[in-house]
Amino acid sequence: MCRVLLVDDEKMARIGIRSVFDWENGGYELVGEASNGQKALKWIENGEADILITDIAMPVMDGLELTRIAKARCPWIKVLLLSCHSDFEYVREGIRLGASDYILKPTLTAEALKTALDRMRAKQEEEREERRIIERFKDQKESEELKELEKSLCKALCGHTEAMARMKAYLADRPYRMLVCGIDAAEASAPEDEDALSEQGESLRRRFGQLFPGALTVQLRPDTLLALVPAAQESGQRFREQAETFLERQEGAAAYPYSLAASRPHSEVEKLRQAYTEAKKALALAFFTGPGRLHLAAQRDKDGFHGAAGCRDKGGSDDGSGMSAMNALKEALTAGFRSKAERELDAMIARWTPGERTRTGVMREAEELLGLFALCKGAGAEAVRHICELSRLRYKADIERHIRNCFRELWSFDDNARPNRSLHERIVMQALQYIDEHYTESISLQQVADWVCVSRNYFSEMFKRVTGQNFIDYLIALRLKRAKELLRNSSLRVYEVAEQSGFNDVKYFSKQFKKTVGMTPAEYQGLSGKGRNTDSRKTRHDFGT
């Protein structure tokens, strides 16, 4: 419906025009009447009229002044002037000011009015369509330019010289930030999930443009968006507010959670890649905090980033006595000390912070813990299930909850329950296998204890409890057994037998051999050549023969 405003200082004239024409059936709506231009301005200022019918000669504000103001404030409006024979010069002035047509009052008829109105409406629709075409062309051109800029951004991050020059021209020495938005789409596996992820990514791109005017946004992967945001140095607080708004507005229950990270403000276009790296490192903090938060890059010093954004795993954390937390936990589990084991577990998890660990470091320790728990209970389908479930967890809080639940399962049978005591035997059997493979080398009690991840003293006690022998006695017996085989079946000299059996000192070898066998190595080798039984005493060698 085309909206028409009627302005004439003569009331009878307005009544005549209003009644001479069937406005509604003609496709027009008479939105208002006024007796002079001043009173008509409220409709003009509110943009409530498409066509203005106005008399030329009126008090307060005449039709010419009204035409000038109306065309200035609403360029699309069409003006139909009403005049008398003596007003021709005024009509010509009105046409110059932008009036579309005129009608002489004495000759005004319904047909003449309809013809003039239809002509103006058709012209208005034609102009409206031209504007739409121009706007579409303008939008298309801007869209194409924006896509080219986004491509240049990706190339600039790779060091492309021409792209860097284009980014420099685009930024025009304005400071900027690099933003990275990470969408947690771990569960997106079905085709419909991928469609939802793609749709959400497009929605987030549009939101970037709305909240950060002038931003260039690139979807690096379905779950990762990158944005270059021009920002004034003094707008830090404003930037935070915009970023929080970006995170607060939700897409609905089916949307995937997401996090946002930003680099520090930079001015040099040459630091684009550095800014991108800062934002990526800051986004890694989402693992520790959970989704839906803003993470700002830490400041640099001579050693790199302060704080969590640039942390590296500080492995080998100990409990103050030189023993790693994992070893201490292992010993507490094997001894069945639940309270001590829980304290050691708490100590390990307490180090799962951005300043101490990366996501990779936390996942590695969590896998080691689950492996230790499986060793305590006996590996099986349940242990495999726990490890598979760990791989699906995305955040530290979920991993911690999973680890604590698995720990409680170790003690879930009754109040006095403790992990499987066969863990002692399993650890010692691992040690025996290692010793059997390396006994001819220079190995020590500490080296083997480190291999099975327990303390030296604890391993020594556990080894004797399981095998019935001290570590050094077991090692000497294993080496002597090898020496006897070499003496019986080879022509090697005594010092060569000692070396190949793991003895560094031939005198010490001879002393231990005579003490155990009852004769020197040379005597044993000579008797063995005559086929005699060389053992003058029986040697016990549990776990070794």
Protein backbone atom coordinates (compact mmCIF):
# COMPACT_ATOMS: atom_id res chain seq x y z
CA MET A 1 0.00 0.00 0.00
CA CYS A 2 1.42 3.36 -1.09
CA ARG A 3 1.25 6.00 1.70
CA VAL A 4 -0.01 9.50 0.82
CA LEU A 5 0.18 12.72 2.88
CA LEU A 6 -2.18 15.58 1.97
CA VAL A 7 -1.25 19.22 2.81
CA ASP A 8 -3.49 22.20 1.97
CA ASP A 9 -4.45 25.25 3.99
CA GLU A 10 -8.04 25.14 2.66
CA LYS A 11 -10.15 22.62 4.55
CA MET A 12 -12.71 22.31 1.75
CA ALA A 13 -9.94 21.60 -0.71
CA ARG A 14 -8.67 18.77 1.50
CA ILE A 15 -12.20 17.35 1.86
CA GLY A 16 -12.68 17.52 -1.89
CA ILE A 17 -9.43 15.70 -2.67
CA ARG A 18 -10.07 13.10 0.05
CA SER A 19 -13.55 12.34 -1.29
CA VAL A 20 -12.94 12.53 -5.03
CA PHE A 21 -10.82 9.40 -5.11
CA ASP A 22 -11.23 5.78 -3.88
CA TRP A 23 -7.92 5.57 -2.13
CA GLU A 24 -8.02 2.01 -0.77
CA ASN A 25 -9.18 0.34 -3.97
CA GLY A 26 -6.61 2.34 -5.86
CA GLY A 27 -3.83 0.88 -3.70
CA TYR A 28 -3.22 3.99 -1.61
CA GLU A 29 -3.46 4.88 2.05
CA LEU A 30 -4.11 8.46 3.16
CA VAL A 31 -1.88 8.54 6.24
CA GLY A 32 -2.56 12.16 7.29
CA GLU A 33 -3.64 15.70 6.51
CA ALA A 34 -2.12 19.07 7.47
CA SER A 35 -3.01 22.72 6.93
CA ASN A 36 0.58 23.89 6.33
CA GLY A 37 4.07 22.61 5.78
CA GLN A 38 5.13 22.99 9.39
CA LYS A 39 2.39 20.64 10.62
CA ALA A 40 3.24 18.12 7.91
CA LEU A 41 6.86 17.76 9.02
CA LYS A 42 6.12 15.12 11.69
CA TRP A 43 5.08 12.62 9.00
CA ILE A 44 8.07 13.54 6.87
CA GLU A 45 10.57 13.21 9.73
CA ASN A 46 9.16 9.80 10.67
CA GLY A 47 9.37 8.60 7.09
CA GLU A 48 5.67 7.77 7.05
CA ALA A 49 4.85 9.07 3.54
CA ASP A 50 5.73 7.81 0.06
CA ILE A 51 3.85 10.55 -1.85
CA LEU A 52 3.30 14.14 -0.75
CA ILE A 53 0.37 16.12 -2.21
CA THR A 54 0.83 19.73 -1.28
CA ASP A 55 -0.59 23.14 -2.19
CA ILE A 56 2.00 25.73 -3.12
CA ALA A 57 0.62 28.83 -1.42
CA MET A 58 0.18 28.24 2.35
CA PRO A 59 0.87 30.22 5.51
CA VAL A 60 3.66 29.42 8.00
CA MET A 61 5.47 27.08 5.58
CA ASP A 62 4.49 27.00 1.91
CA GLY A 63 4.61 24.03 -0.41
CA LEU A 64 7.97 24.92 -1.95
CA GLU A 65 9.77 24.96 1.39
CA LEU A 66 8.00 21.76 2.38
CA THR A 67 9.12 20.17 -0.89
CA ARG A 68 12.74 21.19 -0.27
CA ILE A 69 12.74 19.79 3.28
CA ALA A 70 10.91 16.59 2.30
CA LYS A 71 13.34 15.77 -0.54
CA ALA A 72 16.33 16.50 1.71
CA ARG A 73 15.13 14.22 4.50
CA CYS A 74 13.38 11.53 2.43
CA PRO A 75 14.98 11.45 -1.06
CA TRP A 76 12.65 8.67 -2.18
CA ILE A 77 9.45 10.70 -1.57
CA LYS A 78 7.46 11.88 -4.61
CA VAL A 79 5.81 15.32 -4.57
CA LEU A 80 2.61 16.31 -6.39
CA LEU A 81 2.08 20.08 -6.42
CA LEU A 82 -1.38 21.65 -6.45
CA SER A 83 -1.47 25.08 -8.10
CA CYS A 84 -3.62 27.80 -9.65
CA HIS A 85 -3.12 29.41 -13.09
CA SER A 86 -1.22 32.26 -11.53
CA ASP A 87 1.25 29.92 -9.76
CA PHE A 88 3.18 28.75 -12.85
CA GLU A 89 6.50 30.32 -11.80
CA TYR A 90 6.09 28.63 -8.43
CA VAL A 91 5.38 25.33 -10.17
CA ARG A 92 8.59 25.66 -12.15
CA GLU A 93 10.49 26.34 -8.90
CA GLY A 94 8.85 23.30 -7.31
CA ILE A 95 9.93 21.09 -10.22
CA ARG A 96 13.49 22.41 -9.76
CA LEU A 97 13.32 21.50 -6.08
CA GLY A 98 12.36 17.93 -6.91
CA ALA A 99 8.59 17.81 -7.36
CA SER A 100 7.49 15.05 -9.72
CA ASP A 101 4.26 16.47 -11.12
CA TYR A 102 1.61 19.13 -10.69
CA ILE A 103 -2.16 19.47 -11.12
CA LEU A 104 -4.17 22.65 -11.53
CA LYS A 105 -6.80 22.80 -8.82
CA PRO A 106 -9.60 23.99 -11.16
CA THR A 107 -9.11 20.95 -13.41
CA LEU A 108 -8.53 18.31 -10.67
CA THR A 109 -10.54 15.14 -11.27
CA ALA A 110 -10.42 11.63 -9.88
CA GLU A 111 -8.99 10.34 -13.15
CA ALA A 112 -6.30 13.03 -13.31
CA LEU A 113 -5.35 12.43 -9.68
CA LYS A 114 -5.17 8.64 -10.19
CA THR A 115 -3.05 9.08 -13.32
CA ALA A 116 -0.56 11.33 -11.52
CA LEU A 117 -0.39 9.09 -8.45
CA ASP A 118 0.07 5.90 -10.51
CA ARG A 119 2.82 7.52 -12.53
CA MET A 120 4.68 8.60 -9.39
CA ARG A 121 4.23 5.20 -7.72
CA ALA A 122 5.57 3.41 -10.82
CA LYS A 123 8.55 5.76 -10.91
CA GLN A 124 9.14 5.20 -7.21
CA GLU A 125 9.08 1.40 -7.62
CA GLU A 126 11.45 1.68 -10.55
CA GLU A 127 13.87 3.75 -8.50
CA ARG A 128 13.53 1.34 -5.58
CA GLU A 129 14.46 -1.56 -7.82
CA GLU A 130 17.45 0.39 -9.16
CA ARG A 131 18.60 1.01 -5.60
CA ARG A 132 18.24 -2.71 -4.81
CA ILE A 133 20.32 -3.57 -7.84
CA ILE A 134 22.97 -1.03 -6.86
CA GLU A 135 22.98 -2.32 -3.29
CA ARG A 136 23.27 -5.91 -4.47
CA PHE A 137 26.14 -4.97 -6.75
CA LYS A 138 27.78 -3.01 -3.95
CA ASP A 139 27.32 -5.91 -1.49
CA GLN A 140 28.64 -8.38 -4.05
CA LYS A 141 31.66 -6.20 -4.74
CA GLU A 142 32.34 -5.74 -1.05
CA SER A 143 31.90 -9.47 -0.49
CA GLU A 144 34.38 -10.28 -3.25
CA GLU A 145 36.85 -7.75 -1.86
CA LEU A 146 36.39 -9.21 1.61
CA LYS A 147 37.05 -12.74 0.33
CA GLU A 148 40.21 -11.56 -1.38
CA LEU A 149 41.35 -9.90 1.84
CA GLU A 150 40.64 -13.10 3.77
CA LYS A 151 42.71 -15.07 1.26
CA SER A 152 45.48 -12.50 1.62
CA LEU A 153 45.36 -12.92 5.40
CA CYS A 154 46.02 -16.67 5.06
CA LYS A 155 48.85 -16.04 2.62
CA ALA A 156 50.33 -13.33 4.84
CA LEU A 157 50.48 -15.80 7.73
CA CYS A 158 52.64 -17.96 5.47
CA GLY A 159 54.96 -15.01 4.72
CA HIS A 160 53.68 -14.16 1.21
CA THR A 161 55.20 -10.76 0.34
CA GLU A 162 52.34 -9.36 -1.76
CA ALA A 163 49.77 -10.53 0.78
CA MET A 164 51.73 -8.83 3.58
CA ALA A 165 51.68 -5.59 1.58
CA ARG A 166 47.92 -5.87 1.11
CA MET A 167 47.40 -6.48 4.84
CA LYS A 168 49.54 -3.43 5.56
CA ALA A 169 47.32 -1.32 3.30
CA TYR A 170 44.19 -2.78 4.88
CA LEU A 171 45.33 -2.08 8.45
CA ALA A 172 46.67 1.37 7.56
CA ASP A 173 48.92 1.39 10.65
CA ARG A 174 45.99 0.62 12.95
CA PRO A 175 46.74 -1.72 15.88
CA TYR A 176 45.16 -5.13 15.63
CA ARG A 177 44.56 -8.40 17.47
CA MET A 178 44.40 -11.94 16.17
CA LEU A 179 41.48 -13.97 17.51
CA VAL A 180 41.07 -17.74 17.40
CA CYS A 181 37.72 -19.35 18.12
CA GLY A 182 37.80 -23.07 18.93
CA ILE A 183 34.58 -25.09 18.69
CA ASP A 184 34.44 -28.22 20.81
CA ALA A 185 33.03 -30.64 18.25
CA ALA A 186 34.52 -33.87 19.60
CA GLU A 187 31.16 -35.64 19.28
CA ALA A 188 30.52 -34.47 15.69
CA SER A 189 30.81 -37.70 13.73
CA ALA A 190 27.53 -38.20 11.87
CA PRO A 191 26.88 -36.27 8.61
CA GLU A 192 24.12 -34.26 10.27
CA ASP A 193 26.59 -33.29 13.01
CA GLU A 194 29.04 -32.02 10.41
CA ASP A 195 26.27 -29.96 8.80
CA ALA A 196 25.39 -28.47 12.19
CA LEU A 197 29.06 -27.68 12.82
CA SER A 198 29.40 -25.99 9.43
CA GLU A 199 26.25 -23.97 10.04
CA GLN A 200 27.50 -22.89 13.46
CA GLY A 201 30.83 -21.87 11.98
CA GLU A 202 29.09 -19.62 9.46
CA SER A 203 26.95 -18.13 12.21
CA LEU A 204 30.05 -17.35 14.29
CA ARG A 205 31.67 -15.72 11.27
CA ARG A 206 28.67 -13.41 10.86
CA ARG A 207 28.78 -12.60 14.56
CA PHE A 208 32.44 -11.64 14.29
CA GLY A 209 31.48 -9.14 11.60
CA GLN A 210 28.64 -7.71 13.71
CA LEU A 211 30.61 -7.31 16.93
CA PHE A 212 33.98 -6.40 15.42
CA PRO A 213 33.43 -4.05 12.45
CA GLY A 214 36.15 -4.41 9.85
CA ALA A 215 37.24 -7.86 11.05
CA LEU A 216 38.57 -10.41 8.55
CA THR A 217 37.38 -13.89 9.42
CA VAL A 218 38.67 -17.20 8.05
CA GLN A 219 37.43 -20.71 8.87
CA LEU A 220 40.69 -22.63 9.05
CA ARG A 221 38.95 -25.91 9.91
CA PRO A 222 35.32 -26.83 10.65
CA ASP A 223 36.06 -26.34 14.37
CA THR A 224 38.49 -23.40 14.18
CA LEU A 225 37.94 -19.79 13.14
CA LEU A 226 40.58 -17.09 12.81
CA ALA A 227 39.84 -13.36 12.86
CA LEU A 228 42.00 -10.29 12.31
CA VAL A 229 40.41 -7.48 14.31
CA PRO A 230 41.56 -3.86 13.93
CA ALA A 231 41.47 -2.31 17.41
CA ALA A 232 42.43 1.04 18.90
CA GLN A 233 45.07 0.91 21.63
CA GLU A 234 42.71 2.54 24.13
CA SER A 235 39.85 0.12 23.47
CA GLY A 236 41.02 -2.75 25.68
CA GLN A 237 37.94 -2.67 27.89
CA ARG A 238 35.64 -2.29 24.91
CA PHE A 239 37.32 -5.27 23.26
CA ARG A 240 36.73 -7.42 26.34
CA GLU A 241 33.07 -6.45 26.40
CA GLN A 242 32.64 -7.34 22.73
CA ALA A 243 34.44 -10.65 23.23
CA GLU A 244 32.30 -11.52 26.26
CA THR A 245 29.19 -10.73 24.25
CA PHE A 246 30.45 -13.03 21.51
CA LEU A 247 30.72 -15.83 24.07
CA GLU A 248 27.48 -15.10 25.94
CA ARG A 249 25.10 -15.29 22.99
CA GLN A 250 24.21 -18.91 22.45
CA GLU A 251 23.07 -20.60 19.28
CA GLY A 252 20.63 -22.95 21.00
CA ALA A 253 20.68 -26.27 22.79
CA ALA A 254 22.14 -28.13 19.79
CA ALA A 255 25.15 -25.81 19.41
CA TYR A 256 28.64 -27.00 20.27
CA PRO A 257 30.47 -25.12 23.06
CA TYR A 258 33.29 -22.85 21.99
CA SER A 259 36.08 -20.70 23.41
CA LEU A 260 37.76 -17.52 22.25
CA ALA A 261 41.41 -16.48 22.54
CA ALA A 262 43.12 -13.24 21.54
CA SER A 263 46.66 -12.09 20.98
CA ARG A 264 48.09 -8.94 22.46
CA PRO A 265 47.58 -5.74 20.42
CA HIS A 266 50.19 -5.36 17.66
CA SER A 267 50.95 -2.53 15.27
CA GLU A 268 53.45 -4.04 12.83
CA VAL A 269 51.97 -6.17 10.07
CA GLU A 270 55.19 -8.22 10.17
CA LYS A 271 54.03 -9.63 13.51
CA LEU A 272 50.88 -11.23 12.11
CA ARG A 273 52.22 -14.75 12.57
CA GLN A 274 53.48 -13.96 16.06
CA ALA A 275 50.01 -12.68 16.95
CA TYR A 276 48.45 -15.85 15.53
CA THR A 277 50.82 -18.00 17.60
CA GLU A 278 49.95 -16.01 20.72
CA ALA A 279 46.23 -16.56 20.17
CA LYS A 280 46.69 -20.30 19.56
CA LYS A 281 48.70 -20.71 22.75
CA ALA A 282 46.12 -18.76 24.71
CA LEU A 283 43.36 -20.98 23.33
CA ALA A 284 45.14 -23.98 24.86
CA LEU A 285 44.02 -22.66 28.25
CA ALA A 286 40.48 -23.76 27.43
CA PHE A 287 41.61 -27.30 28.29
CA PHE A 288 42.12 -26.20 31.89
CA THR A 289 39.14 -23.84 32.27
CA GLY A 290 36.47 -25.45 30.13
CA PRO A 291 34.66 -23.85 27.15
CA GLY A 292 32.85 -20.53 26.94
CA ARG A 293 35.65 -18.26 28.16
CA LEU A 294 37.92 -15.56 26.80
CA HIS A 295 41.67 -16.15 27.03
CA LEU A 296 44.15 -13.34 26.45
CA ALA A 297 47.73 -13.97 25.43
CA ALA A 298 50.29 -13.53 28.17
CA GLN A 299 53.00 -10.92 27.99
CA ARG A 300 56.45 -11.85 26.75
CA ASP A 301 59.76 -11.56 28.48
CA LYS A 302 63.25 -12.61 27.43
CA ASP A 303 62.43 -16.28 28.05
CA GLY A 304 59.10 -16.32 26.22
CA PHE A 305 55.56 -16.15 27.46
CA HIS A 306 54.69 -15.57 31.07
CA GLY A 307 52.04 -17.76 32.60
CA ALA A 308 50.01 -20.50 31.07
CA ALA A 309 49.81 -19.49 27.46
CA GLY A 310 53.42 -20.47 26.86
CA CYS A 311 54.04 -23.10 29.49
CA ARG A 312 56.01 -26.27 28.92
CA ASP A 313 55.61 -29.49 30.84
CA LYS A 314 57.78 -29.54 33.95
CA GLY A 315 58.24 -33.25 34.13
CA GLY A 316 59.77 -35.21 36.98
CA SER A 317 57.93 -33.38 39.72
CA ASP A 318 58.91 -34.85 43.07
CA ASP A 319 57.55 -34.99 46.59
CA GLY A 320 60.52 -33.28 48.23
CA SER A 321 62.60 -36.43 48.78
CA GLY A 322 63.63 -36.90 45.16
CA MET A 323 60.93 -39.49 44.50
CA SER A 324 58.53 -38.77 41.65
CA ALA A 325 54.84 -38.51 42.55
CA MET A 326 54.06 -41.44 40.26
CA ASN A 327 56.61 -43.67 42.02
CA ALA A 328 55.32 -42.64 45.42
CA LEU A 329 51.77 -43.44 44.36
CA LYS A 330 52.89 -46.79 43.01
CA GLU A 331 54.52 -47.73 46.28
CA ALA A 332 51.50 -46.65 48.30
CA LEU A 333 49.24 -48.79 46.09
CA THR A 334 51.46 -51.85 46.33
CA ALA A 335 51.58 -51.49 50.12
CA GLY A 336 47.79 -51.03 50.25
CA PHE A 337 47.96 -47.64 51.98
CA ARG A 338 44.81 -45.96 50.69
CA SER A 339 45.20 -42.62 52.51
CA LYS A 340 48.80 -42.21 51.38
CA ALA A 341 47.89 -43.25 47.83
CA GLU A 342 45.09 -40.68 47.76
CA ARG A 343 47.45 -37.96 48.99
CA GLU A 344 49.95 -38.81 46.28
CA LEU A 345 47.18 -38.79 43.66
CA ASP A 346 46.02 -35.39 44.93
CA ALA A 347 49.58 -34.11 44.65
CA MET A 348 49.82 -35.23 41.03
CA ILE A 349 46.47 -33.73 40.04
CA ALA A 350 47.34 -30.48 41.83
CA ARG A 351 50.15 -30.05 39.29
CA TRP A 352 47.70 -30.17 36.40
CA THR A 353 47.78 -26.40 36.02
CA PRO A 354 48.72 -24.19 33.05
CA GLY A 355 51.98 -23.20 34.73
CA GLU A 356 53.04 -26.83 35.22
CA ARG A 357 51.53 -28.89 32.42
CA THR A 358 50.25 -28.75 28.88
CA ARG A 359 47.25 -30.73 27.70
CA THR A 360 49.64 -33.36 26.30
CA GLY A 361 51.39 -33.64 29.65
CA VAL A 362 48.14 -34.09 31.54
CA MET A 363 46.91 -36.73 29.10
CA ARG A 364 50.21 -38.61 29.35
CA GLU A 365 50.09 -38.68 33.15
CA ALA A 366 46.42 -39.69 33.11
CA GLU A 367 47.26 -42.63 30.81
CA GLU A 368 50.09 -43.67 33.15
CA LEU A 369 47.71 -43.54 36.11
CA LEU A 370 45.14 -45.70 34.36
CA GLY A 371 47.89 -48.14 33.42
CA LEU A 372 48.98 -48.29 37.05
CA PHE A 373 45.40 -48.84 38.23
CA ALA A 374 45.00 -51.63 35.65
CA LEU A 375 48.20 -53.24 36.93
CA CYS A 376 46.83 -53.17 40.46
CA LYS A 377 43.55 -54.87 39.53
CA GLY A 378 44.74 -56.97 36.62
CA ALA A 379 44.43 -55.76 33.03
CA GLY A 380 41.17 -56.60 31.31
CA ALA A 381 38.25 -55.25 29.33
CA GLU A 382 37.41 -52.80 32.09
CA ALA A 383 40.90 -51.26 31.97
CA VAL A 384 40.69 -50.93 28.19
CA ARG A 385 37.30 -49.26 28.53
CA HIS A 386 38.69 -46.72 31.00
CA ILE A 387 41.58 -45.85 28.69
CA CYS A 388 39.26 -45.52 25.66
CA GLU A 389 36.99 -43.24 27.64
CA LEU A 390 39.96 -41.05 28.55
CA SER A 391 40.69 -40.40 24.87
CA ARG A 392 37.20 -38.92 24.44
CA LEU A 393 37.54 -36.40 27.29
CA ARG A 394 38.26 -32.80 26.28
CA TYR A 395 38.86 -30.88 29.48
CA LYS A 396 40.99 -31.22 32.60
CA ALA A 397 37.98 -31.30 34.94
CA ASP A 398 36.51 -34.28 33.07
CA ILE A 399 39.84 -36.11 33.08
CA GLU A 400 40.32 -35.51 36.80
CA ARG A 401 36.80 -36.79 37.53
CA HIS A 402 37.48 -39.92 35.46
CA ILE A 403 40.81 -40.62 37.19
CA ARG A 404 39.31 -40.23 40.67
CA ASN A 405 36.42 -42.54 39.80
CA CYS A 406 38.85 -45.20 38.57
CA PHE A 407 40.94 -44.76 41.73
CA ARG A 408 37.86 -45.31 43.91
CA GLU A 409 37.09 -48.51 41.99
CA LEU A 410 40.35 -49.97 43.33
CA TRP A 411 38.89 -49.85 46.83
CA SER A 412 35.22 -50.41 46.06
CA PHE A 413 34.82 -54.03 47.21
CA ASP A 414 34.70 -53.41 50.99
CA ASP A 415 36.08 -51.03 53.56
CA ASN A 416 39.26 -53.07 54.05
CA ALA A 417 39.80 -53.80 50.39
CA ARG A 418 43.15 -52.92 48.85
CA PRO A 419 44.61 -53.28 45.35
CA ASN A 420 45.65 -56.73 44.16
CA ARG A 421 48.71 -57.77 46.18
CA SER A 422 50.10 -59.64 43.18
CA LEU A 423 51.29 -56.23 42.03
CA HIS A 424 54.49 -56.90 44.03
CA GLU A 425 55.15 -60.01 41.98
CA ARG A 426 54.37 -58.24 38.71
CA ILE A 427 56.81 -55.46 39.46
CA VAL A 428 59.54 -57.92 40.46
CA MET A 429 58.91 -60.04 37.35
CA GLN A 430 59.34 -56.91 35.23
CA ALA A 431 62.62 -56.28 37.04
CA LEU A 432 63.78 -59.89 36.53
CA GLN A 433 63.07 -59.64 32.83
CA TYR A 434 65.13 -56.46 32.65
CA ILE A 435 67.97 -58.05 34.65
CA ASP A 436 67.99 -61.18 32.44
CA GLU A 437 68.42 -58.93 29.39
CA HIS A 438 71.14 -56.71 30.89
CA TYR A 439 73.00 -58.73 33.56
CA THR A 440 76.17 -58.92 31.45
CA GLU A 441 76.26 -55.10 31.46
CA SER A 442 77.10 -52.77 34.32
CA ILE A 443 73.71 -52.45 36.02
CA SER A 444 72.85 -51.33 39.54
CA LEU A 445 70.01 -51.62 42.01
CA GLN A 446 69.14 -47.96 41.36
CA GLN A 447 69.02 -48.51 37.61
CA VAL A 448 66.59 -51.44 37.91
CA ALA A 449 64.44 -49.57 40.48
CA ASP A 450 64.19 -46.66 38.05
CA TRP A 451 63.16 -49.07 35.30
CA VAL A 452 60.15 -50.32 37.28
CA CYS A 453 59.43 -46.81 38.65
CA VAL A 454 59.81 -47.36 42.40
CA SER A 455 62.33 -46.06 44.92
CA ARG A 456 65.66 -47.87 45.45
CA ASN A 457 65.00 -48.90 49.05
CA TYR A 458 61.44 -49.99 48.38
CA PHE A 459 62.53 -52.07 45.39
CA SER A 460 65.30 -53.74 47.39
CA GLU A 461 62.85 -54.78 50.10
CA MET A 462 60.21 -55.94 47.61
CA PHE A 463 62.78 -57.89 45.55
CA LYS A 464 63.98 -59.86 48.56
CA ARG A 465 60.42 -60.49 49.73
CA VAL A 466 59.42 -62.00 46.36
CA THR A 467 62.62 -63.84 45.29
CA GLY A 468 64.08 -64.70 48.68
CA GLN A 469 67.43 -63.20 47.61
CA ASN A 470 69.15 -59.87 47.79
CA PHE A 471 69.49 -58.08 44.47
CA ILE A 472 73.29 -58.38 44.40
CA ASP A 473 73.22 -62.08 45.30
CA TYR A 474 70.72 -62.77 42.52
CA LEU A 475 72.84 -60.80 40.03
CA ILE A 476 76.08 -62.62 41.03
CA ALA A 477 74.35 -66.01 40.79
CA LEU A 478 73.05 -65.17 37.31
CA ARG A 479 76.50 -64.06 36.16
CA LEU A 480 78.18 -67.14 37.64
CA LYS A 481 75.71 -69.40 35.88
CA ARG A 482 76.67 -67.73 32.61
CA ALA A 483 80.36 -68.07 33.46
CA LYS A 484 80.03 -71.82 34.08
CA GLU A 485 78.34 -72.25 30.70
CA LEU A 486 81.18 -70.43 28.97
CA LEU A 487 83.85 -72.37 30.87
CA ARG A 488 82.20 -75.69 29.95
CA ASN A 489 81.47 -74.96 26.33
CA SER A 490 84.21 -72.63 25.09
CA SER A 491 87.97 -72.21 25.09
CA LEU A 492 87.83 -68.61 26.27
CA ARG A 493 90.44 -67.44 28.71
CA VAL A 494 89.34 -66.74 32.31
CA TYR A 495 89.45 -62.94 31.92
CA GLU A 496 87.36 -63.22 28.74
CA VAL A 497 84.78 -65.37 30.55
CA ALA A 498 84.67 -62.84 33.38
CA GLU A 499 84.08 -59.96 30.93
CA GLN A 500 81.35 -61.76 28.98
CA SER A 501 79.59 -62.79 32.19
CA GLY A 502 79.29 -59.23 33.49
CA PHE A 503 82.30 -59.10 35.88
CA ASN A 504 84.48 -56.03 35.43
CA ASP A 505 87.28 -57.35 37.70
CA VAL A 506 88.74 -60.79 36.96
CA LYS A 507 90.13 -61.11 40.53
CA TYR A 508 86.69 -60.42 42.00
CA PHE A 509 85.21 -62.92 39.52
CA SER A 510 87.67 -65.61 40.54
CA LYS A 511 87.02 -64.96 44.23
CA GLN A 512 83.23 -65.19 43.86
CA PHE A 513 83.51 -68.25 41.61
CA LYS A 514 85.68 -70.18 44.06
CA LYS A 515 83.46 -69.12 46.99
CA THR A 516 80.35 -70.43 45.25
CA VAL A 517 81.63 -73.40 43.20
CA GLY A 518 84.50 -74.54 45.42
CA MET A 519 87.25 -74.24 42.85
CA THR A 520 88.86 -71.61 40.64
CA PRO A 521 87.52 -70.90 37.16
CA ALA A 522 90.62 -72.48 35.62
CA GLU A 523 90.18 -75.68 37.67
CA TYR A 524 86.50 -75.81 36.73
CA GLN A 525 87.34 -75.36 33.05
CA GLY A 526 89.99 -78.10 33.23
CA LEU A 527 87.67 -80.58 34.93
CA SER A 528 84.83 -79.75 32.56
CA GLY A 529 87.06 -80.76 29.69
CA LYS A 530 87.32 -84.30 31.19
CA GLY A 531 83.53 -84.57 31.57
CA ARG A 532 83.55 -84.53 35.38
CA ASN A 533 80.88 -83.01 37.57
CA THR A 534 82.33 -79.61 38.47
CA ASP A 535 79.85 -78.59 41.17
CA SER A 536 81.27 -79.23 44.60
CA ARG A 537 78.26 -77.60 46.19
CA LYS A 538 74.69 -77.16 45.01
CA THR A 539 73.78 -73.61 43.99
CA ARG A 540 70.22 -72.41 44.47
CA HIS A 541 69.13 -70.06 41.71
CA ASP A 542 65.44 -69.28 42.09
CA PHE A 543 63.78 -67.46 39.15
CA GLY A 544 67.04 -67.97 37.18
CA THR A 545 67.20 -71.62 36.01
